[in-house]
Amino acid sequence: MVEQSLFSKVEDLLSHVGIWRLLGTVAMVVWRRRERVNSTRHLSDRMRQDIGLDVKREQPLMPRHPLWLIKL
């Protein structure tokens, strides 16, 4: 088995199928891979609770300039 560098493999693909088909295939693979990731960050607390996940605890908002950091 002969190993080729990545550059030579891409050159082979470009000459064999063309740039547009290669770019379309790469975009499709990236899109499918993106769909496989299951994330619950976008769910509301109510939806998270309904499916049995922990409810996100909201951190209290810190003032822009806390009083204990102000120097006179």
Protein backbone atom coordinates (compact mmCIF):
# COMPACT_ATOMS: atom_id res chain seq x y z
CA MET A 1 0.00 0.00 0.00
CA VAL A 2 1.39 3.35 -1.04
CA GLU A 3 0.77 6.43 1.07
CA GLN A 4 0.13 9.75 -0.63
CA SER A 5 0.26 13.18 0.89
CA LEU A 6 -2.98 15.05 1.47
CA PHE A 7 -2.04 17.58 -1.18
CA SER A 8 -1.61 14.91 -3.85
CA LYS A 9 -4.92 13.26 -2.91
CA VAL A 10 -6.74 16.58 -3.21
CA GLU A 11 -5.03 17.21 -6.57
CA ASP A 12 -6.22 13.77 -7.72
CA LEU A 13 -9.79 14.52 -6.66
CA LEU A 14 -9.76 17.94 -8.33
CA SER A 15 -8.57 16.51 -11.61
CA HIS A 16 -11.02 13.60 -11.44
CA VAL A 17 -14.31 15.26 -10.33
CA GLY A 18 -13.73 19.01 -10.57
CA ILE A 19 -13.75 21.81 -8.06
CA TRP A 20 -17.52 22.40 -7.84
CA ARG A 21 -18.41 18.78 -7.16
CA LEU A 22 -15.60 18.54 -4.60
CA LEU A 23 -16.70 21.74 -2.82
CA GLY A 24 -20.34 20.57 -2.86
CA THR A 25 -19.37 17.24 -1.32
CA VAL A 26 -17.25 18.90 1.36
CA ALA A 27 -20.13 21.28 2.22
CA MET A 28 -22.55 18.35 2.45
CA VAL A 29 -20.22 16.40 4.75
CA VAL A 30 -19.72 19.43 7.01
CA TRP A 31 -23.50 20.02 7.17
CA ARG A 32 -24.23 16.38 8.05
CA ARG A 33 -21.56 16.39 10.72
CA ARG A 34 -23.05 19.55 12.18
CA GLU A 35 -26.48 17.89 12.39
CA ARG A 36 -25.13 14.95 14.39
CA VAL A 37 -24.11 17.06 17.37
CA ASN A 38 -26.82 16.98 20.02
CA SER A 39 -26.83 20.15 22.04
CA THR A 40 -29.33 21.27 24.65
CA ARG A 41 -27.94 24.78 25.09
CA HIS A 42 -30.72 26.35 23.07
CA LEU A 43 -33.53 24.75 25.10
CA SER A 44 -35.47 26.75 27.65
CA ASP A 45 -35.51 25.75 31.31
CA ARG A 46 -39.06 24.43 30.95
CA MET A 47 -38.11 22.16 28.02
CA ARG A 48 -35.01 20.92 29.87
CA GLN A 49 -37.15 20.09 32.89
CA ASP A 50 -39.71 18.28 30.71
CA ILE A 51 -37.11 15.90 29.29
CA GLY A 52 -35.46 15.29 32.66
CA LEU A 53 -32.38 17.47 32.40
CA ASP A 54 -31.10 19.79 35.10
CA VAL A 55 -32.40 23.33 34.94
CA LYS A 56 -29.69 25.87 34.21
CA ARG A 57 -29.02 28.02 37.23
CA GLU A 58 -28.78 31.65 36.28
CA GLN A 59 -25.91 33.53 37.79
CA PRO A 60 -26.84 36.82 39.47
CA LEU A 61 -25.91 39.73 37.27
CA MET A 62 -22.79 41.54 38.33
CA PRO A 63 -22.83 45.31 38.10
CA ARG A 64 -20.60 46.75 35.43
CA HIS A 65 -18.36 48.38 38.08
CA PRO A 66 -18.72 46.64 41.44
CA LEU A 67 -18.55 49.02 44.37
CA TRP A 68 -15.72 47.10 46.05
CA LEU A 69 -13.48 47.67 43.04
CA ILE A 70 -13.86 51.45 42.99
CA LYS A 71 -10.79 53.15 44.39
CA LEU A 72 -10.92 56.68 45.71
